[in-house]
Amino acid sequence: MLAPGVAKNDLPIGYKILAGGLSGTIAQAAANPCDLVKVRMISHSSAPPPEYRWFITALKHVVKTEGIKGLYRGVGANVGRASTLAAAEMASYDQIKPWMKMRFQFTEGLPLHAATALCSGFIAAFVANPFDVCKSRVMKDDAGRYKGMTDCFRQTLKEEGIASFWKGFIPAWARVGPRVVICFVVMEQLKLRFG
C-alpha cells in the first residue's frame, strides 16, 4: 500500500521500516488493554489481589478504578516497542536474506530462512528492548513516578545509565527469537510450496 506497483524486493529499506512500524503500531494499539493486564497480573511478587486473578475481572477492575483511559496506560511505550520490533524484524529480514544468498551462497530453502530469521530476531529484540523496559515500568507504575514513556526514558537514562535499557535482553531474545524464526520459516515454506 505504501508503494503501489513496486515489487517487495525493490522497496527501499525506508519503506520496509515504515511498513513494519505501521503494522506494529496498529496491532499493539488495539492490544494494549490485554498487555496492561498481563503486566499487572505477573508483576505481583506474592499472590495477586482478587481483582487480578483472572483476565476479565482484571479488565473490569482497571475500567472501574481508572476508567477506559486506564486500559491505555503505557500505550505510547507499548506502541513504541511494537513498532520498533516489527520494523526491525521485517526490514532486517528482507535486507539480510539477499545478502546471505550472495555472501554465503545460500539457495532458497530452510537453511537460508532459518539463518536469516535468527539474525532478524536478534536485531529486533535488541532494538525493541529499551522500549520493553520502559513499557513495563510505565504500565506497572502505581506510584505515578513517570509522566509517560519519554519521562521514563529520561529518568532511566539519568539514574541507571544507557546499559539499563537492555536489562532482561537475554530472556527477551529467548522469547522474540524463536517467534521470529517460526513466523518467517513458516511463511517462506508456505510461499515455496503454494506460491
N, C-alpha and C. Protein backbone atom coordinates (compact mmCIF):
# COMPACT_ATOMS: atom_id res chain seq x y z
N MET A 1 0.82 -1.20 0.00
CA MET A 1 0.00 0.00 0.00
C MET A 1 0.86 1.26 0.00
N LEU A 2 2.06 1.18 0.58
CA LEU A 2 2.92 2.36 0.66
C LEU A 2 3.57 2.70 -0.68
N ALA A 3 3.77 1.68 -1.51
CA ALA A 3 4.42 1.91 -2.81
C ALA A 3 3.73 1.06 -3.87
N PRO A 4 2.56 1.49 -4.33
CA PRO A 4 1.81 0.70 -5.32
C PRO A 4 2.64 0.44 -6.58
N GLY A 5 2.58 -0.80 -7.04
CA GLY A 5 3.27 -1.16 -8.27
C GLY A 5 4.75 -1.48 -8.10
N VAL A 6 5.30 -1.34 -6.91
CA VAL A 6 6.71 -1.63 -6.67
C VAL A 6 6.80 -3.01 -6.03
N ALA A 7 7.63 -3.87 -6.61
CA ALA A 7 7.81 -5.22 -6.06
C ALA A 7 8.47 -5.14 -4.69
N LYS A 8 8.11 -6.07 -3.81
CA LYS A 8 8.64 -6.07 -2.44
C LYS A 8 10.16 -6.05 -2.42
N ASN A 9 10.77 -6.81 -3.31
CA ASN A 9 12.24 -6.86 -3.35
C ASN A 9 12.86 -5.55 -3.79
N ASP A 10 12.11 -4.71 -4.48
CA ASP A 10 12.63 -3.44 -4.97
C ASP A 10 12.36 -2.27 -4.02
N LEU A 11 11.65 -2.53 -2.93
CA LEU A 11 11.35 -1.45 -1.99
C LEU A 11 12.61 -0.98 -1.28
N PRO A 12 12.81 0.32 -1.16
CA PRO A 12 13.94 0.82 -0.36
C PRO A 12 13.73 0.45 1.11
N ILE A 13 14.82 0.37 1.87
CA ILE A 13 14.74 -0.04 3.27
C ILE A 13 13.83 0.87 4.08
N GLY A 14 13.79 2.15 3.76
CA GLY A 14 12.93 3.08 4.49
C GLY A 14 11.46 2.69 4.42
N TYR A 15 11.02 2.23 3.25
CA TYR A 15 9.63 1.77 3.10
C TYR A 15 9.38 0.51 3.91
N LYS A 16 10.38 -0.38 3.94
CA LYS A 16 10.24 -1.63 4.71
C LYS A 16 10.14 -1.32 6.20
N ILE A 17 10.95 -0.39 6.66
CA ILE A 17 10.90 0.01 8.07
C ILE A 17 9.55 0.65 8.39
N LEU A 18 9.10 1.53 7.51
CA LEU A 18 7.81 2.20 7.71
C LEU A 18 6.65 1.20 7.72
N ALA A 19 6.67 0.25 6.80
CA ALA A 19 5.59 -0.75 6.74
C ALA A 19 5.58 -1.60 8.00
N GLY A 20 6.74 -2.05 8.44
CA GLY A 20 6.81 -2.84 9.67
C GLY A 20 6.37 -2.03 10.88
N GLY A 21 6.83 -0.78 10.95
CA GLY A 21 6.46 0.08 12.07
C GLY A 21 4.98 0.35 12.15
N LEU A 22 4.36 0.61 11.00
CA LEU A 22 2.91 0.86 10.98
C LEU A 22 2.12 -0.38 11.39
N SER A 23 2.53 -1.54 10.91
CA SER A 23 1.80 -2.76 11.28
C SER A 23 1.92 -3.02 12.77
N GLY A 24 3.10 -2.82 13.35
CA GLY A 24 3.29 -2.99 14.78
C GLY A 24 2.49 -1.98 15.59
N THR A 25 2.44 -0.75 15.12
CA THR A 25 1.70 0.30 15.81
C THR A 25 0.22 -0.02 15.88
N ILE A 26 -0.37 -0.37 14.77
CA ILE A 26 -1.81 -0.65 14.73
C ILE A 26 -2.15 -1.86 15.60
N ALA A 27 -1.38 -2.92 15.46
CA ALA A 27 -1.66 -4.14 16.22
C ALA A 27 -1.53 -3.91 17.73
N GLN A 28 -0.48 -3.22 18.14
CA GLN A 28 -0.27 -3.05 19.57
C GLN A 28 -1.22 -2.04 20.19
N ALA A 29 -1.60 -1.03 19.45
CA ALA A 29 -2.57 -0.07 19.99
C ALA A 29 -3.88 -0.79 20.30
N ALA A 30 -4.28 -1.72 19.44
CA ALA A 30 -5.51 -2.47 19.69
C ALA A 30 -5.36 -3.45 20.86
N ALA A 31 -4.15 -3.98 21.06
CA ALA A 31 -3.92 -5.00 22.09
C ALA A 31 -3.48 -4.44 23.44
N ASN A 32 -3.32 -3.14 23.56
CA ASN A 32 -2.80 -2.56 24.80
C ASN A 32 -3.55 -2.99 26.07
N PRO A 33 -4.89 -3.00 26.09
CA PRO A 33 -5.57 -3.42 27.32
C PRO A 33 -5.15 -4.83 27.78
N CYS A 34 -4.99 -5.74 26.85
CA CYS A 34 -4.57 -7.10 27.21
C CYS A 34 -3.16 -7.11 27.77
N ASP A 35 -2.28 -6.35 27.15
CA ASP A 35 -0.89 -6.31 27.62
C ASP A 35 -0.80 -5.65 28.99
N LEU A 36 -1.56 -4.60 29.20
CA LEU A 36 -1.58 -3.92 30.50
C LEU A 36 -1.97 -4.89 31.61
N VAL A 37 -3.03 -5.64 31.38
CA VAL A 37 -3.50 -6.60 32.39
C VAL A 37 -2.45 -7.69 32.60
N LYS A 38 -1.84 -8.17 31.52
CA LYS A 38 -0.79 -9.20 31.64
C LYS A 38 0.35 -8.71 32.52
N VAL A 39 0.84 -7.50 32.25
CA VAL A 39 1.95 -6.94 33.02
C VAL A 39 1.58 -6.82 34.49
N ARG A 40 0.38 -6.36 34.76
CA ARG A 40 -0.05 -6.21 36.16
C ARG A 40 -0.25 -7.55 36.85
N MET A 41 -0.77 -8.53 36.12
CA MET A 41 -1.01 -9.84 36.73
C MET A 41 0.31 -10.53 37.09
N ILE A 42 1.35 -10.35 36.27
CA ILE A 42 2.61 -11.03 36.55
C ILE A 42 3.57 -10.20 37.39
N SER A 43 3.24 -8.94 37.66
CA SER A 43 4.19 -8.10 38.38
C SER A 43 4.07 -8.18 39.90
N HIS A 44 3.06 -8.89 40.41
CA HIS A 44 2.93 -9.03 41.85
C HIS A 44 3.91 -10.08 42.36
N SER A 45 4.66 -9.72 43.42
CA SER A 45 5.66 -10.65 43.94
C SER A 45 5.01 -11.77 44.75
N SER A 46 3.87 -11.50 45.35
CA SER A 46 3.14 -12.55 46.07
C SER A 46 1.84 -12.82 45.31
N ALA A 47 0.90 -13.46 45.95
CA ALA A 47 -0.38 -13.74 45.28
C ALA A 47 -1.03 -12.42 44.87
N PRO A 48 -1.53 -12.36 43.64
CA PRO A 48 -2.17 -11.13 43.19
C PRO A 48 -3.46 -10.88 43.96
N PRO A 49 -3.85 -9.61 44.09
CA PRO A 49 -5.13 -9.31 44.74
C PRO A 49 -6.26 -9.94 43.93
N PRO A 50 -7.42 -10.15 44.55
CA PRO A 50 -8.53 -10.85 43.88
C PRO A 50 -8.90 -10.27 42.51
N GLU A 51 -8.83 -8.95 42.38
CA GLU A 51 -9.23 -8.34 41.10
C GLU A 51 -8.25 -8.67 39.97
N TYR A 52 -7.09 -9.23 40.28
CA TYR A 52 -6.11 -9.58 39.24
C TYR A 52 -5.89 -11.08 39.12
N ARG A 53 -6.83 -11.87 39.58
CA ARG A 53 -6.65 -13.32 39.49
C ARG A 53 -7.18 -13.90 38.18
N TRP A 54 -7.98 -13.14 37.46
CA TRP A 54 -8.50 -13.60 36.18
C TRP A 54 -8.55 -12.42 35.24
N PHE A 55 -8.35 -12.66 33.97
CA PHE A 55 -8.23 -11.63 32.96
C PHE A 55 -9.42 -10.68 32.92
N ILE A 56 -10.63 -11.22 32.84
CA ILE A 56 -11.83 -10.37 32.71
C ILE A 56 -12.04 -9.51 33.96
N THR A 57 -11.85 -10.10 35.15
CA THR A 57 -12.01 -9.30 36.37
C THR A 57 -10.94 -8.21 36.44
N ALA A 58 -9.76 -8.51 35.94
CA ALA A 58 -8.70 -7.50 35.92
C ALA A 58 -9.07 -6.35 35.00
N LEU A 59 -9.58 -6.67 33.81
CA LEU A 59 -10.03 -5.62 32.89
C LEU A 59 -11.12 -4.75 33.52
N LYS A 60 -12.11 -5.41 34.15
CA LYS A 60 -13.19 -4.68 34.80
C LYS A 60 -12.66 -3.79 35.91
N HIS A 61 -11.70 -4.31 36.68
CA HIS A 61 -11.13 -3.54 37.79
C HIS A 61 -10.43 -2.27 37.27
N VAL A 62 -9.66 -2.42 36.19
CA VAL A 62 -8.97 -1.26 35.62
C VAL A 62 -10.00 -0.22 35.17
N VAL A 63 -11.04 -0.64 34.46
CA VAL A 63 -12.06 0.30 33.99
C VAL A 63 -12.76 0.96 35.17
N LYS A 64 -13.09 0.18 36.20
CA LYS A 64 -13.80 0.71 37.37
C LYS A 64 -12.96 1.72 38.15
N THR A 65 -11.66 1.43 38.33
CA THR A 65 -10.82 2.30 39.15
C THR A 65 -10.11 3.40 38.36
N GLU A 66 -9.86 3.17 37.06
CA GLU A 66 -9.09 4.15 36.28
C GLU A 66 -9.81 4.65 35.04
N GLY A 67 -10.98 4.09 34.78
CA GLY A 67 -11.72 4.47 33.58
C GLY A 67 -11.16 3.78 32.34
N ILE A 68 -11.84 3.99 31.23
CA ILE A 68 -11.40 3.41 29.95
C ILE A 68 -9.97 3.85 29.64
N LYS A 69 -9.66 5.09 30.00
CA LYS A 69 -8.32 5.63 29.75
C LYS A 69 -7.24 4.77 30.42
N GLY A 70 -7.58 4.18 31.56
CA GLY A 70 -6.64 3.34 32.28
C GLY A 70 -6.18 2.13 31.49
N LEU A 71 -7.04 1.63 30.59
CA LEU A 71 -6.67 0.49 29.75
C LEU A 71 -5.55 0.84 28.77
N TYR A 72 -5.36 2.15 28.57
CA TYR A 72 -4.34 2.59 27.61
C TYR A 72 -3.14 3.22 28.29
N ARG A 73 -2.98 2.94 29.58
CA ARG A 73 -1.79 3.40 30.29
C ARG A 73 -0.59 2.70 29.66
N GLY A 74 0.42 3.47 29.34
CA GLY A 74 1.62 2.92 28.73
C GLY A 74 1.50 2.63 27.25
N VAL A 75 0.41 3.09 26.62
CA VAL A 75 0.21 2.78 25.20
C VAL A 75 1.34 3.37 24.35
N GLY A 76 1.85 4.53 24.72
CA GLY A 76 2.95 5.14 23.96
C GLY A 76 4.18 4.25 23.96
N ALA A 77 4.57 3.78 25.14
CA ALA A 77 5.73 2.89 25.24
C ALA A 77 5.45 1.56 24.56
N ASN A 78 4.24 1.07 24.71
CA ASN A 78 3.86 -0.21 24.12
C ASN A 78 3.89 -0.13 22.59
N VAL A 79 3.34 0.93 22.04
CA VAL A 79 3.34 1.13 20.60
C VAL A 79 4.77 1.36 20.11
N GLY A 80 5.54 2.11 20.88
CA GLY A 80 6.95 2.32 20.52
C GLY A 80 7.70 1.02 20.44
N ARG A 81 7.47 0.14 21.40
CA ARG A 81 8.13 -1.16 21.41
C ARG A 81 7.67 -2.00 20.23
N ALA A 82 6.36 -2.08 20.02
CA ALA A 82 5.82 -2.93 18.96
C ALA A 82 6.23 -2.42 17.57
N SER A 83 6.21 -1.11 17.38
CA SER A 83 6.56 -0.58 16.07
C SER A 83 8.04 -0.77 15.78
N THR A 84 8.91 -0.56 16.78
CA THR A 84 10.34 -0.77 16.53
C THR A 84 10.63 -2.25 16.33
N LEU A 85 9.97 -3.12 17.10
CA LEU A 85 10.17 -4.56 16.97
C LEU A 85 9.75 -5.02 15.57
N ALA A 86 8.55 -4.64 15.14
CA ALA A 86 8.06 -5.07 13.83
C ALA A 86 8.90 -4.46 12.70
N ALA A 87 9.23 -3.19 12.82
CA ALA A 87 10.05 -2.55 11.79
C ALA A 87 11.41 -3.21 11.69
N ALA A 88 12.04 -3.48 12.83
CA ALA A 88 13.38 -4.08 12.83
C ALA A 88 13.35 -5.51 12.28
N GLU A 89 12.37 -6.30 12.71
CA GLU A 89 12.37 -7.69 12.26
C GLU A 89 12.02 -7.82 10.78
N MET A 90 11.03 -7.05 10.33
CA MET A 90 10.62 -7.17 8.93
C MET A 90 11.66 -6.60 7.98
N ALA A 91 12.14 -5.40 8.28
CA ALA A 91 13.13 -4.77 7.39
C ALA A 91 14.45 -5.53 7.40
N SER A 92 14.90 -5.96 8.59
CA SER A 92 16.18 -6.67 8.64
C SER A 92 16.09 -8.01 7.91
N TYR A 93 14.96 -8.71 8.04
CA TYR A 93 14.81 -9.98 7.33
C TYR A 93 14.93 -9.77 5.82
N ASP A 94 14.22 -8.78 5.32
CA ASP A 94 14.23 -8.52 3.88
C ASP A 94 15.59 -8.03 3.38
N GLN A 95 16.37 -7.38 4.24
CA GLN A 95 17.69 -6.91 3.84
C GLN A 95 18.75 -8.00 3.98
N ILE A 96 18.65 -8.81 5.01
CA ILE A 96 19.66 -9.83 5.29
C ILE A 96 19.56 -11.00 4.32
N LYS A 97 18.35 -11.37 3.94
CA LYS A 97 18.16 -12.56 3.10
C LYS A 97 18.95 -12.50 1.79
N PRO A 98 18.85 -11.43 0.98
CA PRO A 98 19.64 -11.41 -0.26
C PRO A 98 21.15 -11.35 0.02
N TRP A 99 21.53 -10.69 1.11
CA TRP A 99 22.94 -10.62 1.48
C TRP A 99 23.48 -12.01 1.81
N MET A 100 22.69 -12.81 2.56
CA MET A 100 23.09 -14.17 2.91
C MET A 100 23.23 -15.03 1.64
N LYS A 101 22.33 -14.82 0.69
CA LYS A 101 22.40 -15.57 -0.56
C LYS A 101 23.71 -15.25 -1.30
N MET A 102 24.02 -13.97 -1.35
CA MET A 102 25.21 -13.54 -2.09
C MET A 102 26.50 -13.90 -1.33
N ARG A 103 26.53 -13.57 -0.06
CA ARG A 103 27.77 -13.72 0.72
C ARG A 103 28.10 -15.18 1.03
N PHE A 104 27.09 -15.98 1.35
CA PHE A 104 27.33 -17.36 1.78
C PHE A 104 26.80 -18.40 0.80
N GLN A 105 26.39 -17.95 -0.39
CA GLN A 105 25.88 -18.84 -1.44
C GLN A 105 24.74 -19.74 -0.97
N PHE A 106 23.89 -19.21 -0.10
CA PHE A 106 22.68 -19.94 0.28
C PHE A 106 21.75 -20.02 -0.93
N THR A 107 21.03 -21.11 -1.01
CA THR A 107 19.96 -21.18 -2.00
C THR A 107 18.64 -21.05 -1.25
N GLU A 108 17.60 -20.74 -1.99
CA GLU A 108 16.28 -20.58 -1.37
C GLU A 108 15.89 -21.89 -0.69
N GLY A 109 15.59 -21.82 0.61
CA GLY A 109 15.20 -23.02 1.34
C GLY A 109 15.32 -22.83 2.85
N LEU A 110 15.08 -23.88 3.57
CA LEU A 110 15.03 -23.84 5.03
C LEU A 110 16.29 -23.29 5.69
N PRO A 111 17.51 -23.72 5.30
CA PRO A 111 18.71 -23.16 5.96
C PRO A 111 18.82 -21.64 5.81
N LEU A 112 18.52 -21.13 4.62
CA LEU A 112 18.55 -19.68 4.40
C LEU A 112 17.51 -18.98 5.26
N HIS A 113 16.30 -19.50 5.28
CA HIS A 113 15.21 -18.87 6.02
C HIS A 113 15.50 -18.88 7.53
N ALA A 114 15.99 -19.99 8.04
CA ALA A 114 16.28 -20.09 9.47
C ALA A 114 17.43 -19.17 9.87
N ALA A 115 18.50 -19.14 9.08
CA ALA A 115 19.65 -18.29 9.40
C ALA A 115 19.27 -16.81 9.35
N THR A 116 18.51 -16.44 8.33
CA THR A 116 18.08 -15.04 8.20
C THR A 116 17.16 -14.66 9.36
N ALA A 117 16.25 -15.53 9.71
CA ALA A 117 15.31 -15.24 10.81
C ALA A 117 16.03 -15.16 12.15
N LEU A 118 17.06 -15.97 12.36
CA LEU A 118 17.85 -15.87 13.60
C LEU A 118 18.48 -14.49 13.73
N CYS A 119 19.07 -14.02 12.65
CA CYS A 119 19.67 -12.67 12.66
C CYS A 119 18.62 -11.60 12.88
N SER A 120 17.51 -11.73 12.19
CA SER A 120 16.43 -10.76 12.31
C SER A 120 15.86 -10.72 13.72
N GLY A 121 15.69 -11.89 14.34
CA GLY A 121 15.18 -11.96 15.71
C GLY A 121 16.10 -11.28 16.70
N PHE A 122 17.40 -11.44 16.52
CA PHE A 122 18.37 -10.79 17.41
C PHE A 122 18.28 -9.26 17.25
N ILE A 123 18.27 -8.80 16.01
CA ILE A 123 18.20 -7.36 15.75
C ILE A 123 16.91 -6.78 16.33
N ALA A 124 15.80 -7.45 16.09
CA ALA A 124 14.50 -6.95 16.58
C ALA A 124 14.49 -6.87 18.11
N ALA A 125 14.97 -7.92 18.78
CA ALA A 125 14.99 -7.91 20.25
C ALA A 125 15.90 -6.81 20.77
N PHE A 126 17.04 -6.61 20.13
CA PHE A 126 18.00 -5.59 20.57
C PHE A 126 17.41 -4.18 20.43
N VAL A 127 16.79 -3.93 19.29
CA VAL A 127 16.23 -2.60 19.02
C VAL A 127 15.03 -2.30 19.92
N ALA A 128 14.22 -3.32 20.19
CA ALA A 128 12.98 -3.11 20.96
C ALA A 128 13.18 -3.13 22.47
N ASN A 129 14.28 -3.68 22.96
CA ASN A 129 14.44 -3.86 24.40
C ASN A 129 14.32 -2.55 25.21
N PRO A 130 14.90 -1.43 24.77
CA PRO A 130 14.70 -0.20 25.55
C PRO A 130 13.23 0.17 25.71
N PHE A 131 12.45 -0.04 24.67
CA PHE A 131 11.01 0.24 24.75
C PHE A 131 10.32 -0.76 25.67
N ASP A 132 10.78 -2.00 25.65
CA ASP A 132 10.21 -3.04 26.51
C ASP A 132 10.43 -2.70 27.98
N VAL A 133 11.64 -2.24 28.31
CA VAL A 133 11.97 -1.84 29.68
C VAL A 133 11.04 -0.72 30.12
N CYS A 134 10.93 0.32 29.30
CA CYS A 134 10.10 1.48 29.68
C CYS A 134 8.62 1.13 29.68
N LYS A 135 8.18 0.31 28.73
CA LYS A 135 6.77 -0.10 28.69
C LYS A 135 6.38 -0.78 29.99
N SER A 136 7.19 -1.72 30.43
CA SER A 136 6.88 -2.46 31.66
C SER A 136 6.87 -1.53 32.86
N ARG A 137 7.82 -0.62 32.91
CA ARG A 137 7.89 0.31 34.05
C ARG A 137 6.69 1.25 34.09
N VAL A 138 6.29 1.77 32.94
CA VAL A 138 5.16 2.69 32.89
C VAL A 138 3.86 1.97 33.22
N MET A 139 3.70 0.75 32.70
CA MET A 139 2.44 0.01 32.91
C MET A 139 2.24 -0.41 34.36
N LYS A 140 3.30 -0.66 35.09
CA LYS A 140 3.11 -1.07 36.48
C LYS A 140 3.46 0.05 37.46
N ASP A 141 3.48 1.27 36.99
CA ASP A 141 3.82 2.44 37.80
C ASP A 141 2.62 2.91 38.62
N ASP A 142 2.35 2.23 39.72
CA ASP A 142 1.23 2.60 40.58
C ASP A 142 1.49 3.89 41.36
N ALA A 143 2.76 4.21 41.57
CA ALA A 143 3.12 5.39 42.36
C ALA A 143 3.07 6.68 41.54
N GLY A 144 2.89 6.58 40.23
CA GLY A 144 2.84 7.78 39.39
C GLY A 144 4.20 8.43 39.21
N ARG A 145 5.23 7.64 39.22
CA ARG A 145 6.60 8.15 39.10
C ARG A 145 6.88 8.74 37.72
N TYR A 146 6.32 8.09 36.70
CA TYR A 146 6.60 8.51 35.32
C TYR A 146 5.41 9.24 34.73
N LYS A 147 5.70 10.31 33.97
CA LYS A 147 4.65 11.07 33.30
C LYS A 147 4.31 10.45 31.94
N GLY A 148 5.07 9.47 31.54
CA GLY A 148 4.85 8.80 30.26
C GLY A 148 6.14 8.15 29.80
N MET A 149 6.13 7.69 28.57
CA MET A 149 7.27 6.98 28.02
C MET A 149 8.53 7.84 27.97
N THR A 150 8.42 9.04 27.46
CA THR A 150 9.59 9.91 27.33
C THR A 150 10.21 10.19 28.69
N ASP A 151 9.36 10.45 29.68
CA ASP A 151 9.85 10.70 31.04
C ASP A 151 10.54 9.46 31.61
N CYS A 152 9.98 8.30 31.34
CA CYS A 152 10.59 7.06 31.81
C CYS A 152 11.96 6.87 31.16
N PHE A 153 12.07 7.11 29.87
CA PHE A 153 13.37 7.02 29.19
C PHE A 153 14.37 7.98 29.84
N ARG A 154 13.93 9.22 30.06
CA ARG A 154 14.82 10.23 30.62
C ARG A 154 15.30 9.84 32.01
N GLN A 155 14.36 9.46 32.89
CA GLN A 155 14.72 9.10 34.26
C GLN A 155 15.61 7.85 34.31
N THR A 156 15.29 6.88 33.49
CA THR A 156 16.08 5.65 33.47
C THR A 156 17.50 5.93 33.01
N LEU A 157 17.65 6.71 31.97
CA LEU A 157 18.98 7.06 31.48
C LEU A 157 19.77 7.83 32.52
N LYS A 158 19.12 8.80 33.15
CA LYS A 158 19.79 9.64 34.14
C LYS A 158 20.20 8.84 35.38
N GLU A 159 19.32 7.98 35.87
CA GLU A 159 19.58 7.28 37.13
C GLU A 159 20.35 5.97 36.98
N GLU A 160 20.19 5.29 35.83
CA GLU A 160 20.77 3.96 35.70
C GLU A 160 21.77 3.81 34.55
N GLY A 161 21.80 4.77 33.65
CA GLY A 161 22.73 4.70 32.53
C GLY A 161 22.14 3.97 31.33
N ILE A 162 22.85 4.07 30.21
CA ILE A 162 22.36 3.54 28.94
C ILE A 162 22.21 2.02 28.95
N ALA A 163 23.08 1.32 29.66
CA ALA A 163 23.03 -0.16 29.67
C ALA A 163 21.73 -0.68 30.29
N SER A 164 21.10 0.13 31.13
CA SER A 164 19.88 -0.32 31.81
C SER A 164 18.74 -0.58 30.82
N PHE A 165 18.83 -0.01 29.62
CA PHE A 165 17.78 -0.23 28.63
C PHE A 165 17.81 -1.65 28.06
N TRP A 166 18.88 -2.39 28.35
CA TRP A 166 18.96 -3.76 27.87
C TRP A 166 18.89 -4.77 29.01
N LYS A 167 18.29 -4.33 30.13
CA LYS A 167 18.01 -5.28 31.21
C LYS A 167 17.03 -6.31 30.66
N GLY A 168 17.27 -7.55 30.99
CA GLY A 168 16.37 -8.61 30.55
C GLY A 168 16.49 -8.94 29.07
N PHE A 169 17.59 -8.53 28.42
CA PHE A 169 17.72 -8.77 26.98
C PHE A 169 17.73 -10.25 26.64
N ILE A 170 18.46 -11.06 27.38
CA ILE A 170 18.55 -12.49 27.05
C ILE A 170 17.17 -13.16 27.09
N PRO A 171 16.37 -12.96 28.19
CA PRO A 171 15.03 -13.55 28.15
C PRO A 171 14.15 -12.94 27.04
N ALA A 172 14.34 -11.66 26.76
CA ALA A 172 13.54 -11.04 25.69
C ALA A 172 13.89 -11.67 24.34
N TRP A 173 15.16 -11.89 24.11
CA TRP A 173 15.59 -12.52 22.86
C TRP A 173 15.13 -13.98 22.81
N ALA A 174 15.17 -14.63 23.97
CA ALA A 174 14.70 -16.02 24.03
C ALA A 174 13.21 -16.13 23.71
N ARG A 175 12.48 -15.05 23.92
CA ARG A 175 11.05 -15.02 23.60
C ARG A 175 10.83 -14.57 22.16
N VAL A 176 11.51 -13.52 21.75
CA VAL A 176 11.31 -12.95 20.42
C VAL A 176 11.96 -13.80 19.34
N GLY A 177 13.17 -14.26 19.59
CA GLY A 177 13.93 -15.01 18.59
C GLY A 177 13.18 -16.21 18.02
N PRO A 178 12.73 -17.13 18.87
CA PRO A 178 12.01 -18.29 18.33
C PRO A 178 10.72 -17.91 17.59
N ARG A 179 10.01 -16.89 18.07
CA ARG A 179 8.79 -16.46 17.39
C ARG A 179 9.11 -15.96 15.99
N VAL A 180 10.18 -15.17 15.87
CA VAL A 180 10.56 -14.64 14.56
C VAL A 180 10.97 -15.78 13.63
N VAL A 181 11.76 -16.73 14.15
CA VAL A 181 12.18 -17.86 13.33
C VAL A 181 10.97 -18.66 12.86
N ILE A 182 10.07 -18.97 13.77
CA ILE A 182 8.89 -19.75 13.40
C ILE A 182 8.05 -19.01 12.36
N CYS A 183 7.79 -17.73 12.60
CA CYS A 183 6.95 -16.95 11.67
C CYS A 183 7.56 -16.90 10.27
N PHE A 184 8.83 -16.53 10.18
CA PHE A 184 9.43 -16.37 8.86
C PHE A 184 9.65 -17.71 8.16
N VAL A 185 10.07 -18.73 8.90
CA VAL A 185 10.28 -20.04 8.28
C VAL A 185 8.95 -20.59 7.76
N VAL A 186 7.91 -20.50 8.56
CA VAL A 186 6.60 -20.99 8.11
C VAL A 186 6.11 -20.19 6.90
N MET A 187 6.25 -18.88 6.97
CA MET A 187 5.82 -18.04 5.85
C MET A 187 6.57 -18.41 4.57
N GLU A 188 7.89 -18.54 4.67
CA GLU A 188 8.70 -18.86 3.50
C GLU A 188 8.40 -20.26 2.96
N GLN A 189 8.23 -21.21 3.85
CA GLN A 189 7.94 -22.57 3.40
C GLN A 189 6.57 -22.64 2.73
N LEU A 190 5.60 -21.89 3.24
CA LEU A 190 4.29 -21.83 2.60
C LEU A 190 4.40 -21.19 1.21
N LYS A 191 5.20 -20.14 1.11
CA LYS A 191 5.38 -19.49 -0.20
C LYS A 191 6.04 -20.45 -1.21
N LEU A 192 7.04 -21.21 -0.74
CA LEU A 192 7.71 -22.15 -1.64
C LEU A 192 6.76 -23.24 -2.12
N ARG A 193 5.90 -23.71 -1.23
CA ARG A 193 5.02 -24.81 -1.58
C ARG A 193 3.74 -24.39 -2.32
N PHE A 194 3.23 -23.20 -1.96
CA PHE A 194 1.93 -22.81 -2.52
C PHE A 194 1.96 -21.52 -3.34
N GLY A 195 3.11 -20.92 -3.45
CA GLY A 195 3.25 -19.71 -4.27
C GLY A 195 2.77 -18.45 -3.62
